[in-house]
Amino acid sequence: MKSTPFDSTIPFLREGYPFISSRCDAVGKDLFSSRLGLVVPVIFIRGADAAEKFYGEDRFTREGAMPPTIQHLLQDKGSVQTLEGDAHRVRKRAFMSLMSPAAMDGLGDVFESEWQKVEKRRLGRGSVKLHDMVREILTRAACQWAGVPLPEQDVPRITQELSLMIDQVARFGPRNWYAQLRRRGTESWVAGMVEQVRSGELSPREGSTLDVFSHHRDVDGELLSPEVAAVEIINILRPILAVSRFIVFAAVALHENPKWRDTFASGNVDDVEPFVQEVRRHYPFFPAVPGRVKDQFRWRDHDFRKGAMVILDIYGTCHDPRLFQDPDSFQPERFRGWSWDDNPYSLIAQGAGRHESSHRCPGEWSTVELMKRAVVLLSRAGYTVPSQDLTVPLSRFPSLPRSGFVISR
């Protein structure tokens, strides 16, 4: 039986996604205390009750919780995830305004159009890593849908800069610093567009991401600074590109479960959404999310003192056998008839709680829409999948099949 280490830094990095749950199992509880970096006391928690406590009761703040190396790449200063109370609710409404069913249909249509064009060009050259191809497709689709002008010569640069924000998020040292430097360039590029919109030089589509955040007024009635507006626009673009990992995992699932590929290829798409939700639950995305206690409380016979660092196990909760029977098996059927409203604290791959009021990612709708479109496209395409290493290392954050999933005609 594994014991709870005094310091969890090396075990967490070595064991990866299953680390928190394995230690919870060892102590027979949904929480345990340890340290990170030898000096930071941390309480690790898992499960639906823990997710409700973390997201649903206003007991935690994100401020000061995320290491700067991660925050600067994923969210950066002034983003909605760093806000609380009325400031968070007002900013969150701007994000929610972009996620209507009509807007999601529009994003899906742009994605399909870009898929057809990029696929034809890339696969015409021979084999290609699906992950690389999908990243280009998503960059093009995200910018077009968001109203962000993207000159053709800038596509490789912006694709790489958005990708670095994800790839290097769990790195330390020069790789992370380089990714942060490149992000500064992306922010400057987008902030310049915000200034052009406000001066009348640019006229993005009404209701688009560039339009909404260029004109958004915060809780104090003031316009966002161009820099913060750029941060929030990137917080739309970057998560769309991050869907590339889910799409690759969906391709792996179709390859390893051909009955689903054949079903979707035949035109029967009734279970496309359950399939997508199972991909989100089953495969590793982000392992955990940190927060700090706002005011002292007691839970599960443990005192959570004000300011304490708490880390919620996302991967472990999505693989909790109390929530999902036989959690290590791939079973899309489990999500037939499932809804977010009925289950806000079980499938928490992108956060928990209610989208309107909590810190749950509003990008879940765009993620699901893009994945559904990709699953149908992949099922009908008739690709060849050469022999390759499709193992998914659980000690890599964020993870991906080792081969990147190579396909050819």
Protein backbone atom coordinates (compact mmCIF):
# COMPACT_ATOMS: atom_id res chain seq x y z
CA MET A 1 0.00 0.00 0.00
CA LYS A 2 1.33 3.43 -0.96
CA SER A 3 1.77 5.92 1.83
CA THR A 4 1.16 9.63 1.73
CA PRO A 5 4.50 11.36 1.05
CA PHE A 6 5.73 14.29 3.12
CA ASP A 7 6.37 16.10 -0.16
CA SER A 8 4.40 15.18 -3.28
CA THR A 9 6.33 17.05 -5.95
CA ILE A 10 8.38 14.17 -7.33
CA PRO A 11 5.70 11.46 -6.86
CA PHE A 12 3.11 13.70 -8.56
CA LEU A 13 5.39 14.35 -11.55
CA ARG A 14 6.50 10.71 -11.73
CA GLU A 15 3.07 9.07 -11.38
CA GLY A 16 1.06 11.78 -13.11
CA TYR A 17 -2.69 11.76 -13.47
CA PRO A 18 -3.47 8.82 -11.11
CA PHE A 19 -1.34 10.15 -8.24
CA ILE A 20 -4.01 11.90 -6.15
CA SER A 21 -6.54 9.09 -6.33
CA SER A 22 -3.94 6.44 -5.56
CA ARG A 23 -3.02 8.26 -2.35
CA CYS A 24 -6.66 8.82 -1.44
CA ASP A 25 -7.22 5.09 -1.87
CA ALA A 26 -4.19 4.39 0.33
CA VAL A 27 -5.54 6.45 3.23
CA GLY A 28 -9.17 5.43 2.64
CA LYS A 29 -10.38 9.03 2.36
CA ASP A 30 -11.17 11.60 -0.30
CA LEU A 31 -8.45 13.92 0.97
CA PHE A 32 -4.90 13.90 2.25
CA SER A 33 -2.33 16.52 3.19
CA SER A 34 1.16 16.83 1.79
CA ARG A 35 3.53 19.49 0.42
CA LEU A 36 4.73 20.74 -2.93
CA GLY A 37 8.20 22.11 -3.43
CA LEU A 38 8.96 21.10 0.20
CA VAL A 39 7.52 24.37 1.55
CA VAL A 40 3.91 24.69 0.35
CA PRO A 41 1.33 22.74 2.42
CA VAL A 42 -1.38 21.31 0.18
CA ILE A 43 -4.66 19.50 0.76
CA PHE A 44 -5.54 17.16 -2.11
CA ILE A 45 -9.24 16.31 -2.57
CA ARG A 46 -11.28 14.21 -5.01
CA GLY A 47 -14.82 13.11 -5.83
CA ALA A 48 -18.17 14.71 -6.59
CA ASP A 49 -18.63 16.03 -3.03
CA ALA A 50 -15.18 17.59 -3.21
CA ALA A 51 -15.99 19.15 -6.59
CA GLU A 52 -19.21 20.63 -5.17
CA LYS A 53 -17.30 22.02 -2.20
CA PHE A 54 -14.62 23.43 -4.51
CA TYR A 55 -16.86 24.94 -7.19
CA GLY A 56 -20.33 25.26 -5.75
CA GLU A 57 -20.16 26.94 -2.36
CA ASP A 58 -17.96 30.02 -2.91
CA ARG A 59 -15.41 28.70 -0.42
CA PHE A 60 -12.35 28.98 -2.69
CA THR A 61 -10.59 31.65 -4.68
CA ARG A 62 -8.29 31.19 -7.67
CA GLU A 63 -6.27 34.25 -6.69
CA GLY A 64 -2.77 33.26 -5.65
CA ALA A 65 -3.50 29.56 -6.20
CA MET A 66 -1.96 28.84 -9.58
CA PRO A 67 1.84 28.99 -9.94
CA PRO A 68 2.86 32.05 -12.01
CA THR A 69 4.47 29.86 -14.67
CA ILE A 70 1.09 28.19 -15.27
CA GLN A 71 -1.10 31.27 -14.83
CA HIS A 72 0.87 33.39 -17.29
CA LEU A 73 0.47 30.74 -20.00
CA LEU A 74 -3.11 29.64 -19.40
CA GLN A 75 -4.93 32.73 -18.12
CA ASP A 76 -2.58 35.62 -17.39
CA LYS A 77 -3.24 38.68 -15.25
CA GLY A 78 -6.72 40.16 -15.17
CA SER A 79 -8.51 37.19 -16.73
CA VAL A 80 -11.99 36.07 -15.70
CA GLN A 81 -10.56 33.10 -13.79
CA THR A 82 -8.77 35.46 -11.40
CA LEU A 83 -11.96 37.38 -10.53
CA GLU A 84 -14.49 36.74 -7.77
CA GLY A 85 -18.00 37.92 -6.86
CA ASP A 86 -19.73 40.55 -9.00
CA ALA A 87 -16.59 41.20 -11.04
CA HIS A 88 -16.52 37.53 -12.05
CA ARG A 89 -20.24 37.38 -12.82
CA VAL A 90 -20.16 40.46 -15.07
CA ARG A 91 -17.12 39.26 -17.00
CA LYS A 92 -18.51 35.70 -17.21
CA ARG A 93 -21.67 37.03 -18.88
CA ALA A 94 -19.53 38.32 -21.74
CA PHE A 95 -18.14 34.82 -22.26
CA MET A 96 -21.57 33.22 -22.01
CA SER A 97 -22.92 35.59 -24.68
CA LEU A 98 -20.55 33.93 -27.14
CA MET A 99 -21.79 30.40 -26.46
CA SER A 100 -25.36 30.43 -27.81
CA PRO A 101 -26.53 27.42 -29.85
CA ALA A 102 -26.45 29.54 -33.01
CA ALA A 103 -22.88 30.63 -32.27
CA MET A 104 -21.82 27.03 -31.69
CA ASP A 105 -23.39 25.99 -35.00
CA GLY A 106 -21.46 28.79 -36.67
CA LEU A 107 -18.19 27.66 -35.10
CA GLY A 108 -18.86 24.08 -36.17
CA ASP A 109 -19.58 25.14 -39.76
CA VAL A 110 -16.35 27.16 -39.97
CA PHE A 111 -14.42 24.23 -38.49
CA GLU A 112 -15.81 21.78 -41.07
CA SER A 113 -14.98 24.16 -43.91
CA GLU A 114 -11.39 24.62 -42.72
CA TRP A 115 -11.06 20.86 -42.13
CA GLN A 116 -11.88 20.10 -45.75
CA LYS A 117 -9.35 22.62 -47.07
CA VAL A 118 -6.48 21.78 -44.75
CA GLU A 119 -7.05 18.03 -44.96
CA LYS A 120 -6.89 18.09 -48.77
CA ARG A 121 -3.64 20.05 -48.77
CA ARG A 122 -1.87 18.18 -45.95
CA LEU A 123 -2.88 14.62 -46.80
CA GLY A 124 -2.02 15.23 -50.43
CA ARG A 125 1.61 15.15 -49.31
CA GLY A 126 1.35 11.73 -47.66
CA SER A 127 1.14 10.79 -43.99
CA VAL A 128 0.47 13.44 -41.37
CA LYS A 129 0.20 13.68 -37.60
CA LEU A 130 -3.46 14.30 -36.89
CA HIS A 131 -2.56 16.51 -33.93
CA ASP A 132 -0.54 18.86 -36.13
CA MET A 133 -3.21 19.02 -38.81
CA VAL A 134 -6.03 19.65 -36.36
CA ARG A 135 -4.10 22.43 -34.62
CA GLU A 136 -3.85 24.34 -37.88
CA ILE A 137 -7.53 23.74 -38.61
CA LEU A 138 -8.57 24.94 -35.16
CA THR A 139 -6.38 28.06 -35.31
CA ARG A 140 -7.90 29.06 -38.62
CA ALA A 141 -11.45 28.28 -37.47
CA ALA A 142 -11.06 29.98 -34.08
CA CYS A 143 -9.77 33.24 -35.52
CA GLN A 144 -12.37 33.35 -38.30
CA TRP A 145 -15.23 32.63 -35.90
CA ALA A 146 -13.90 35.08 -33.27
CA GLY A 147 -13.63 37.90 -35.80
CA VAL A 148 -9.83 38.04 -35.47
CA PRO A 149 -8.16 38.80 -38.84
CA LEU A 150 -5.51 36.17 -39.55
CA PRO A 151 -3.27 36.85 -42.56
CA GLU A 152 -2.15 33.67 -44.28
CA GLN A 153 1.51 34.31 -43.51
CA ASP A 154 0.70 34.51 -39.77
CA VAL A 155 -1.05 31.11 -39.53
CA PRO A 156 2.09 29.10 -38.61
CA ARG A 157 3.18 31.68 -36.03
CA ILE A 158 -0.18 32.00 -34.28
CA THR A 159 -0.69 28.22 -34.34
CA GLN A 160 2.68 27.74 -32.68
CA GLU A 161 2.15 30.48 -30.08
CA LEU A 162 -1.26 29.14 -29.05
CA SER A 163 0.18 25.63 -28.96
CA LEU A 164 3.09 26.64 -26.73
CA MET A 165 0.64 27.99 -24.14
CA ILE A 166 -0.69 24.45 -23.75
CA ASP A 167 2.36 22.30 -24.42
CA GLN A 168 4.66 24.10 -21.97
CA VAL A 169 2.19 24.76 -19.17
CA ALA A 170 3.63 22.07 -16.88
CA ARG A 171 7.24 22.80 -17.80
CA PHE A 172 9.72 24.78 -15.77
CA GLY A 173 12.74 26.76 -16.84
CA PRO A 174 13.72 27.87 -20.37
CA ARG A 175 10.91 26.09 -22.25
CA ASN A 176 8.25 27.73 -20.10
CA TRP A 177 9.99 31.11 -20.26
CA TYR A 178 10.15 30.88 -24.05
CA ALA A 179 6.42 30.06 -24.23
CA GLN A 180 5.65 33.04 -21.99
CA LEU A 181 7.74 35.29 -24.22
CA ARG A 182 5.87 34.10 -27.28
CA ARG A 183 2.56 34.66 -25.50
CA ARG A 184 3.55 38.30 -24.91
CA GLY A 185 3.80 38.62 -28.67
CA THR A 186 0.34 37.11 -29.17
CA GLU A 187 -1.15 39.47 -26.58
CA SER A 188 0.46 42.49 -28.24
CA TRP A 189 -0.92 41.37 -31.60
CA VAL A 190 -4.47 41.03 -30.26
CA ALA A 191 -4.29 44.22 -28.13
CA GLY A 192 -3.42 46.13 -31.29
CA MET A 193 -6.62 44.83 -32.90
CA VAL A 194 -8.66 45.94 -29.88
CA GLU A 195 -7.27 49.46 -30.28
CA GLN A 196 -8.08 49.37 -33.99
CA VAL A 197 -11.68 48.36 -33.24
CA ARG A 198 -12.05 51.22 -30.77
CA SER A 199 -10.58 53.72 -33.25
CA GLY A 200 -12.85 52.51 -36.05
CA GLU A 201 -10.06 51.04 -38.18
CA LEU A 202 -11.44 47.52 -37.71
CA SER A 203 -15.11 46.50 -37.77
CA PRO A 204 -15.47 42.90 -36.56
CA ARG A 205 -18.75 41.06 -36.92
CA GLU A 206 -21.25 42.18 -34.27
CA GLY A 207 -21.35 39.71 -31.41
CA SER A 208 -18.00 38.15 -32.31
CA THR A 209 -15.32 37.64 -29.68
CA LEU A 210 -13.23 40.59 -30.89
CA ASP A 211 -16.33 42.81 -30.95
CA VAL A 212 -17.59 41.73 -27.49
CA PHE A 213 -14.34 42.20 -25.58
CA SER A 214 -13.32 45.37 -27.41
CA HIS A 215 -16.52 46.98 -26.10
CA HIS A 216 -17.04 45.10 -22.82
CA ARG A 217 -17.40 47.19 -19.65
CA ASP A 218 -16.54 45.63 -16.32
CA VAL A 219 -18.45 45.88 -13.05
CA ASP A 220 -17.13 49.44 -12.56
CA GLY A 221 -18.47 50.54 -15.95
CA GLU A 222 -15.01 51.01 -17.43
CA LEU A 223 -13.77 49.51 -20.68
CA LEU A 224 -11.20 46.76 -20.28
CA SER A 225 -7.67 47.86 -21.00
CA PRO A 226 -6.52 46.68 -24.44
CA GLU A 227 -4.15 44.30 -22.65
CA VAL A 228 -6.88 42.64 -20.53
CA ALA A 229 -9.26 42.53 -23.51
CA ALA A 230 -6.50 40.73 -25.42
CA VAL A 231 -6.07 38.26 -22.54
CA GLU A 232 -9.77 37.38 -22.67
CA ILE A 233 -9.81 37.06 -26.46
CA ILE A 234 -6.87 34.67 -26.21
CA ASN A 235 -8.85 32.84 -23.50
CA ILE A 236 -11.30 32.03 -26.30
CA LEU A 237 -8.73 31.19 -28.98
CA ARG A 238 -6.40 29.07 -26.84
CA PRO A 239 -9.08 26.68 -25.45
CA ILE A 240 -10.40 26.12 -28.96
CA LEU A 241 -6.93 25.05 -30.07
CA ALA A 242 -6.67 22.84 -26.96
CA VAL A 243 -9.60 20.79 -28.33
CA SER A 244 -7.00 19.28 -30.68
CA ARG A 245 -6.03 16.87 -27.91
CA PHE A 246 -9.60 15.73 -27.37
CA ILE A 247 -9.99 15.25 -31.13
CA VAL A 248 -6.88 13.06 -31.25
CA PHE A 249 -8.20 11.03 -28.32
CA ALA A 250 -11.50 10.69 -30.18
CA ALA A 251 -9.58 9.37 -33.19
CA VAL A 252 -7.84 6.82 -30.95
CA ALA A 253 -11.20 5.76 -29.51
CA LEU A 254 -12.67 5.32 -33.01
CA HIS A 255 -9.64 3.30 -34.08
CA GLU A 256 -9.74 1.05 -31.02
CA ASN A 257 -13.55 0.73 -31.04
CA PRO A 258 -14.40 0.33 -34.74
CA LYS A 259 -18.06 -0.45 -34.07
CA TRP A 260 -18.55 3.21 -33.17
CA ARG A 261 -16.67 4.39 -36.27
CA ASP A 262 -18.83 2.16 -38.47
CA THR A 263 -22.02 3.35 -36.76
CA PHE A 264 -21.23 7.02 -37.30
CA ALA A 265 -19.98 6.42 -40.85
CA SER A 266 -23.32 4.82 -41.72
CA GLY A 267 -25.13 8.04 -40.84
CA ASN A 268 -26.41 6.96 -37.43
CA VAL A 269 -25.15 9.81 -35.24
CA ASP A 270 -27.58 9.47 -32.32
CA ASP A 271 -24.73 8.54 -29.98
CA VAL A 272 -22.17 11.07 -31.17
CA GLU A 273 -22.62 13.27 -28.12
CA PRO A 274 -22.44 10.36 -25.61
CA PHE A 275 -19.30 9.21 -27.46
CA VAL A 276 -17.76 12.68 -27.15
CA GLN A 277 -18.59 12.95 -23.45
CA GLU A 278 -17.01 9.56 -22.81
CA VAL A 279 -13.85 10.68 -24.61
CA ARG A 280 -13.74 13.74 -22.34
CA ARG A 281 -14.22 11.58 -19.26
CA HIS A 282 -11.97 8.67 -20.19
CA TYR A 283 -8.84 10.30 -21.61
CA PRO A 284 -6.46 12.58 -19.67
CA PHE A 285 -6.77 16.33 -20.17
CA PHE A 286 -5.80 18.57 -17.25
CA PRO A 287 -5.09 16.52 -14.12
CA ALA A 288 -6.16 18.88 -11.31
CA VAL A 289 -7.10 22.45 -10.42
CA PRO A 290 -5.82 24.53 -7.47
CA GLY A 291 -7.59 27.01 -5.20
CA ARG A 292 -7.14 28.78 -1.88
CA VAL A 293 -9.58 28.72 1.03
CA LYS A 294 -11.42 32.04 1.41
CA ASP A 295 -12.70 31.47 4.97
CA GLN A 296 -12.04 28.63 7.37
CA PHE A 297 -14.42 25.65 7.28
CA ARG A 298 -14.48 21.97 8.20
CA TRP A 299 -15.14 19.08 5.82
CA ARG A 300 -14.64 15.34 6.23
CA ASP A 301 -13.18 15.83 9.73
CA HIS A 302 -10.51 18.13 8.35
CA ASP A 303 -10.03 21.83 9.06
CA PHE A 304 -9.51 23.96 5.96
CA ARG A 305 -7.84 27.11 7.24
CA LYS A 306 -8.09 30.46 5.48
CA GLY A 307 -5.47 30.75 2.76
CA ALA A 308 -4.74 27.01 2.60
CA MET A 309 -3.83 25.59 -0.80
CA VAL A 310 -6.26 22.93 -2.03
CA ILE A 311 -5.97 20.87 -5.22
CA LEU A 312 -9.03 19.13 -6.68
CA ASP A 313 -8.39 15.88 -8.55
CA ILE A 314 -10.06 16.28 -11.96
CA TYR A 315 -8.81 13.07 -13.57
CA GLY A 316 -9.50 10.97 -10.48
CA THR A 317 -13.04 12.31 -10.13
CA CYS A 318 -13.74 11.48 -13.78
CA HIS A 319 -12.53 7.92 -13.01
CA ASP A 320 -14.29 7.54 -9.66
CA PRO A 321 -16.06 4.15 -9.59
CA ARG A 322 -18.71 5.64 -7.30
CA LEU A 323 -19.69 7.94 -10.18
CA PHE A 324 -18.87 5.79 -13.22
CA GLN A 325 -19.16 2.01 -13.17
CA ASP A 326 -16.03 0.29 -14.51
CA PRO A 327 -14.40 3.70 -15.03
CA ASP A 328 -11.32 2.43 -16.89
CA SER A 329 -13.41 1.00 -19.72
CA PHE A 330 -14.62 3.08 -22.67
CA GLN A 331 -18.44 3.02 -22.61
CA PRO A 332 -20.22 5.89 -24.43
CA GLU A 333 -23.56 4.27 -23.53
CA ARG A 334 -23.17 5.60 -19.99
CA PHE A 335 -23.87 9.13 -21.26
CA ARG A 336 -27.15 8.44 -23.02
CA GLY A 337 -29.70 10.84 -21.56
CA TRP A 338 -27.01 12.57 -19.49
CA SER A 339 -27.05 16.35 -18.99
CA TRP A 340 -24.78 18.93 -17.36
CA ASP A 341 -27.68 20.36 -15.38
CA ASP A 342 -28.39 17.02 -13.72
CA ASN A 343 -24.73 16.15 -13.12
CA PRO A 344 -22.71 19.33 -12.45
CA TYR A 345 -20.11 17.62 -10.24
CA SER A 346 -19.34 14.27 -11.91
CA LEU A 347 -17.94 14.86 -15.41
CA ILE A 348 -15.52 17.64 -14.51
CA ALA A 349 -12.93 17.42 -17.28
CA GLN A 350 -13.23 21.21 -17.74
CA GLY A 351 -14.46 22.22 -14.31
CA ALA A 352 -17.60 21.70 -12.23
CA GLY A 353 -20.72 23.53 -11.10
CA ARG A 354 -23.03 25.78 -13.10
CA HIS A 355 -21.60 27.55 -16.12
CA GLU A 356 -23.43 30.79 -15.40
CA SER A 357 -22.25 31.29 -11.81
CA SER A 358 -19.15 29.20 -11.11
CA HIS A 359 -15.64 29.00 -12.56
CA ARG A 360 -16.70 26.12 -14.81
CA CYS A 361 -15.24 26.62 -18.27
CA PRO A 362 -17.81 28.13 -20.68
CA GLY A 363 -15.78 26.58 -23.48
CA GLU A 364 -17.31 23.16 -22.82
CA TRP A 365 -20.02 23.86 -25.38
CA SER A 366 -17.50 24.74 -28.08
CA THR A 367 -15.41 21.70 -27.11
CA VAL A 368 -18.36 19.34 -27.49
CA GLU A 369 -19.52 20.94 -30.75
CA LEU A 370 -16.07 20.73 -32.34
CA MET A 371 -15.54 17.17 -31.13
CA LYS A 372 -18.91 16.05 -32.50
CA ARG A 373 -18.08 17.50 -35.91
CA ALA A 374 -14.61 15.93 -35.86
CA VAL A 375 -15.91 12.48 -34.87
CA VAL A 376 -18.27 12.41 -37.85
CA LEU A 377 -15.57 13.68 -40.22
CA LEU A 378 -13.06 11.11 -38.95
CA SER A 379 -15.57 8.27 -39.15
CA ARG A 380 -16.45 8.98 -42.77
CA ALA A 381 -12.98 9.83 -44.05
CA GLY A 382 -11.58 6.35 -44.63
CA TYR A 383 -8.09 7.09 -43.36
CA THR A 384 -5.39 4.48 -43.04
CA VAL A 385 -3.84 4.29 -39.59
CA PRO A 386 -0.29 2.91 -39.90
CA SER A 387 1.25 0.84 -37.11
CA GLN A 388 2.40 3.25 -34.39
CA ASP A 389 2.67 3.83 -30.66
CA LEU A 390 -0.76 4.92 -29.43
CA THR A 391 0.01 4.55 -25.74
CA VAL A 392 -0.94 7.58 -23.66
CA PRO A 393 1.67 8.39 -20.98
CA LEU A 394 -0.08 9.38 -17.77
CA SER A 395 3.04 11.07 -16.42
CA ARG A 396 3.01 13.78 -19.11
CA PHE A 397 0.99 16.97 -18.57
CA PRO A 398 -1.01 17.49 -20.72
CA SER A 399 -0.84 14.08 -22.33
CA LEU A 400 -1.24 12.81 -25.87
CA PRO A 401 -0.63 9.51 -27.71
CA ARG A 402 3.12 9.16 -28.16
CA SER A 403 2.81 9.05 -31.97
CA GLY A 404 0.49 12.06 -32.23
CA PHE A 405 -1.79 9.69 -34.21
CA VAL A 406 -0.41 9.39 -37.73
CA ILE A 407 -2.92 8.99 -40.58
CA SER A 408 -2.65 8.63 -44.35
CA ARG A 409 -4.94 8.11 -47.28
